């Protein structure tokens, strides 16, 4: 089963850049790892494998969005350098 909202789904035209930065840029790798962790936790909650409160789920969704914004900013910065 495919997990929705993976980074490749969120930024489909930047898959190769994401792959490269994940390996070569510590900050990007840290953000991508945190994003993946939060995204998988949300998926487990939404698929009812890991029950929790609505408040916890909403906080996780907010964190995922903030991480996505930070990732997007790094992608944009890197694209400008190319």
N, C-alpha and C. Protein backbone atom coordinates (compact mmCIF):
# COMPACT_ATOMS: atom_id res chain seq x y z
N UNK A 1 0.85 -1.19 0.00
CA UNK A 1 0.00 0.00 0.00
C UNK A 1 0.89 1.25 0.00
N UNK A 2 0.55 2.19 -0.84
CA UNK A 2 1.32 3.44 -0.97
C UNK A 2 0.86 4.45 0.07
N UNK A 3 1.83 5.09 0.69
CA UNK A 3 1.55 6.12 1.69
C UNK A 3 1.37 7.46 0.98
N UNK A 4 0.22 8.12 1.19
CA UNK A 4 0.02 9.42 0.54
C UNK A 4 0.94 10.51 1.11
N UNK A 5 1.13 11.54 0.35
CA UNK A 5 1.89 12.74 0.74
C UNK A 5 3.39 12.50 0.89
N UNK A 6 3.93 11.47 0.23
CA UNK A 6 5.38 11.30 0.22
C UNK A 6 5.98 12.52 -0.49
N UNK A 7 7.24 12.81 -0.20
CA UNK A 7 7.88 13.98 -0.82
C UNK A 7 7.84 13.93 -2.34
N UNK A 8 8.00 12.75 -2.91
CA UNK A 8 7.94 12.62 -4.36
C UNK A 8 6.57 12.97 -4.92
N UNK A 9 5.52 12.77 -4.12
CA UNK A 9 4.16 13.14 -4.53
C UNK A 9 3.95 14.65 -4.39
N UNK A 10 4.54 15.21 -3.36
CA UNK A 10 4.36 16.64 -3.09
C UNK A 10 5.15 17.51 -4.06
N UNK A 11 6.32 17.01 -4.49
CA UNK A 11 7.18 17.75 -5.41
C UNK A 11 7.59 16.84 -6.57
N UNK A 12 6.64 16.42 -7.40
CA UNK A 12 6.93 15.42 -8.43
C UNK A 12 7.97 15.87 -9.47
N UNK A 13 8.05 17.14 -9.75
CA UNK A 13 9.00 17.62 -10.76
C UNK A 13 10.40 17.82 -10.20
N UNK A 14 10.57 17.57 -8.90
CA UNK A 14 11.87 17.78 -8.28
C UNK A 14 12.44 16.51 -7.64
N UNK A 15 11.98 15.35 -8.12
CA UNK A 15 12.38 14.07 -7.54
C UNK A 15 13.90 13.88 -7.56
N UNK A 16 14.56 14.20 -8.66
CA UNK A 16 16.01 13.99 -8.73
C UNK A 16 16.74 14.95 -7.79
N UNK A 17 16.27 16.18 -7.68
CA UNK A 17 16.88 17.14 -6.76
C UNK A 17 16.68 16.68 -5.32
N UNK A 18 15.51 16.18 -5.00
CA UNK A 18 15.24 15.66 -3.64
C UNK A 18 16.20 14.51 -3.33
N UNK A 19 16.35 13.59 -4.27
CA UNK A 19 17.27 12.48 -4.06
C UNK A 19 18.70 12.93 -3.83
N UNK A 20 19.15 13.88 -4.62
CA UNK A 20 20.51 14.38 -4.48
C UNK A 20 20.71 15.11 -3.16
N UNK A 21 19.78 16.01 -2.83
CA UNK A 21 19.92 16.78 -1.59
C UNK A 21 19.81 15.91 -0.34
N UNK A 22 18.99 14.87 -0.41
CA UNK A 22 18.85 13.98 0.73
C UNK A 22 20.21 13.33 1.06
N UNK A 23 21.00 13.09 0.04
CA UNK A 23 22.30 12.44 0.24
C UNK A 23 23.43 13.43 0.52
N UNK A 24 23.32 14.67 0.02
CA UNK A 24 24.46 15.59 0.09
C UNK A 24 24.27 16.79 1.01
N UNK A 25 23.05 17.08 1.43
CA UNK A 25 22.79 18.26 2.25
C UNK A 25 22.22 17.81 3.59
N UNK A 26 23.03 17.99 4.65
CA UNK A 26 22.63 17.50 5.97
C UNK A 26 21.27 18.06 6.40
N UNK A 27 21.10 19.37 6.28
CA UNK A 27 19.85 20.01 6.72
C UNK A 27 18.65 19.47 5.94
N UNK A 28 18.81 19.33 4.63
CA UNK A 28 17.72 18.81 3.82
C UNK A 28 17.42 17.36 4.21
N UNK A 29 18.46 16.57 4.41
CA UNK A 29 18.26 15.18 4.81
C UNK A 29 17.54 15.07 6.14
N UNK A 30 17.89 15.95 7.08
CA UNK A 30 17.23 15.96 8.39
C UNK A 30 15.75 16.32 8.25
N UNK A 31 15.46 17.35 7.45
CA UNK A 31 14.07 17.76 7.24
C UNK A 31 13.28 16.67 6.52
N UNK A 32 13.87 16.07 5.50
CA UNK A 32 13.19 15.01 4.74
C UNK A 32 12.90 13.82 5.65
N UNK A 33 13.84 13.46 6.50
CA UNK A 33 13.63 12.35 7.43
C UNK A 33 12.53 12.65 8.43
N UNK A 34 12.53 13.87 8.95
CA UNK A 34 11.48 14.27 9.89
C UNK A 34 10.11 14.27 9.20
N UNK A 35 10.08 14.78 7.97
CA UNK A 35 8.83 14.81 7.20
C UNK A 35 8.31 13.38 7.00
N UNK A 36 9.20 12.49 6.56
CA UNK A 36 8.79 11.10 6.32
C UNK A 36 8.25 10.46 7.60
N UNK A 37 8.92 10.72 8.73
CA UNK A 37 8.47 10.15 10.00
C UNK A 37 7.09 10.63 10.39
N UNK A 38 6.87 11.93 10.30
CA UNK A 38 5.57 12.51 10.65
C UNK A 38 4.51 12.02 9.67
N UNK A 39 4.85 11.99 8.39
CA UNK A 39 3.89 11.57 7.38
C UNK A 39 3.46 10.12 7.60
N UNK A 40 4.40 9.26 7.93
CA UNK A 40 4.07 7.85 8.18
C UNK A 40 3.22 7.69 9.44
N UNK A 41 3.52 8.51 10.44
CA UNK A 41 2.71 8.46 11.67
C UNK A 41 1.27 8.90 11.38
N UNK A 42 1.09 9.94 10.58
CA UNK A 42 -0.25 10.39 10.19
C UNK A 42 -0.95 9.28 9.42
N UNK A 43 -0.24 8.64 8.52
CA UNK A 43 -0.84 7.56 7.73
C UNK A 43 -1.30 6.41 8.63
N UNK A 44 -0.47 6.06 9.62
CA UNK A 44 -0.86 4.98 10.55
C UNK A 44 -2.11 5.37 11.35
N UNK A 45 -2.18 6.61 11.75
CA UNK A 45 -3.35 7.08 12.51
C UNK A 45 -4.59 7.06 11.62
N UNK A 46 -4.46 7.60 10.41
CA UNK A 46 -5.61 7.68 9.51
C UNK A 46 -6.07 6.30 9.04
N UNK A 47 -5.17 5.34 8.99
CA UNK A 47 -5.56 3.99 8.59
C UNK A 47 -5.98 3.15 9.80
N UNK A 48 -6.09 3.81 10.93
CA UNK A 48 -6.56 3.23 12.19
C UNK A 48 -5.66 2.14 12.73
N UNK A 49 -4.39 2.15 12.34
CA UNK A 49 -3.41 1.23 12.91
C UNK A 49 -2.87 1.76 14.24
N UNK A 50 -2.98 3.07 14.42
CA UNK A 50 -2.43 3.72 15.61
C UNK A 50 -3.44 4.78 16.10
N UNK A 51 -4.44 4.37 16.86
CA UNK A 51 -5.48 5.32 17.29
C UNK A 51 -4.91 6.44 18.17
N UNK A 52 -5.47 7.61 18.01
CA UNK A 52 -5.08 8.76 18.83
C UNK A 52 -6.20 9.78 18.79
N UNK A 53 -6.02 10.88 19.48
CA UNK A 53 -7.05 11.93 19.51
C UNK A 53 -6.97 12.79 18.26
N UNK A 54 -8.07 13.47 17.99
CA UNK A 54 -8.10 14.40 16.85
C UNK A 54 -7.08 15.52 17.03
N UNK A 55 -6.87 15.94 18.28
CA UNK A 55 -5.93 17.02 18.55
C UNK A 55 -4.50 16.62 18.18
N UNK A 56 -4.13 15.38 18.53
CA UNK A 56 -2.80 14.90 18.19
C UNK A 56 -2.64 14.82 16.68
N UNK A 57 -3.64 14.31 15.99
CA UNK A 57 -3.59 14.21 14.53
C UNK A 57 -3.45 15.59 13.90
N UNK A 58 -4.20 16.56 14.39
CA UNK A 58 -4.12 17.92 13.83
C UNK A 58 -2.74 18.54 14.07
N UNK A 59 -2.14 18.30 15.24
CA UNK A 59 -0.81 18.82 15.52
C UNK A 59 0.22 18.19 14.58
N UNK A 60 0.08 16.88 14.33
CA UNK A 60 0.98 16.21 13.41
C UNK A 60 0.83 16.77 11.98
N UNK A 61 -0.39 17.04 11.58
CA UNK A 61 -0.62 17.61 10.24
C UNK A 61 -0.01 19.01 10.13
N UNK A 62 -0.08 19.79 11.20
CA UNK A 62 0.53 21.12 11.20
C UNK A 62 2.05 21.00 11.10
N UNK A 63 2.60 20.04 11.83
CA UNK A 63 4.06 19.83 11.79
C UNK A 63 4.49 19.39 10.39
N UNK A 64 3.72 18.50 9.77
CA UNK A 64 4.04 18.06 8.41
C UNK A 64 4.03 19.25 7.45
N UNK A 65 3.07 20.13 7.59
CA UNK A 65 2.97 21.30 6.72
C UNK A 65 4.16 22.24 6.92
N UNK A 66 4.56 22.45 8.17
CA UNK A 66 5.73 23.30 8.44
C UNK A 66 7.00 22.69 7.85
N UNK A 67 7.16 21.37 8.00
CA UNK A 67 8.32 20.70 7.43
C UNK A 67 8.30 20.80 5.90
N UNK A 68 7.13 20.65 5.32
CA UNK A 68 7.00 20.76 3.86
C UNK A 68 7.40 22.17 3.40
N UNK A 69 6.98 23.19 4.14
CA UNK A 69 7.35 24.57 3.80
C UNK A 69 8.87 24.76 3.87
N UNK A 70 9.51 24.20 4.91
CA UNK A 70 10.96 24.31 5.04
C UNK A 70 11.67 23.58 3.90
N UNK A 71 11.16 22.41 3.54
CA UNK A 71 11.73 21.64 2.44
C UNK A 71 11.59 22.40 1.13
N UNK A 72 10.42 22.97 0.91
CA UNK A 72 10.18 23.74 -0.31
C UNK A 72 11.14 24.93 -0.40
N UNK A 73 11.38 25.59 0.73
CA UNK A 73 12.30 26.74 0.74
C UNK A 73 13.71 26.29 0.37
N UNK A 74 14.16 25.15 0.88
CA UNK A 74 15.49 24.66 0.52
C UNK A 74 15.56 24.24 -0.95
N UNK A 75 14.49 23.62 -1.45
CA UNK A 75 14.46 23.25 -2.87
C UNK A 75 14.54 24.49 -3.75
N UNK A 76 13.79 25.51 -3.40
CA UNK A 76 13.80 26.76 -4.17
C UNK A 76 15.17 27.40 -4.15
N UNK A 77 15.79 27.43 -2.96
CA UNK A 77 17.13 28.02 -2.82
C UNK A 77 18.14 27.25 -3.68
N UNK A 78 18.06 25.94 -3.66
CA UNK A 78 18.98 25.12 -4.45
C UNK A 78 18.76 25.31 -5.95
N UNK A 79 17.51 25.42 -6.37
CA UNK A 79 17.22 25.62 -7.78
C UNK A 79 17.77 26.95 -8.28
N UNK A 80 17.74 27.95 -7.44
CA UNK A 80 18.28 29.28 -7.82
C UNK A 80 19.79 29.23 -8.01
N UNK A 81 20.45 28.33 -7.26
CA UNK A 81 21.91 28.20 -7.34
C UNK A 81 22.34 27.46 -8.60
N UNK A 82 21.44 26.71 -9.20
CA UNK A 82 21.78 25.87 -10.36
C UNK A 82 21.80 26.68 -11.64
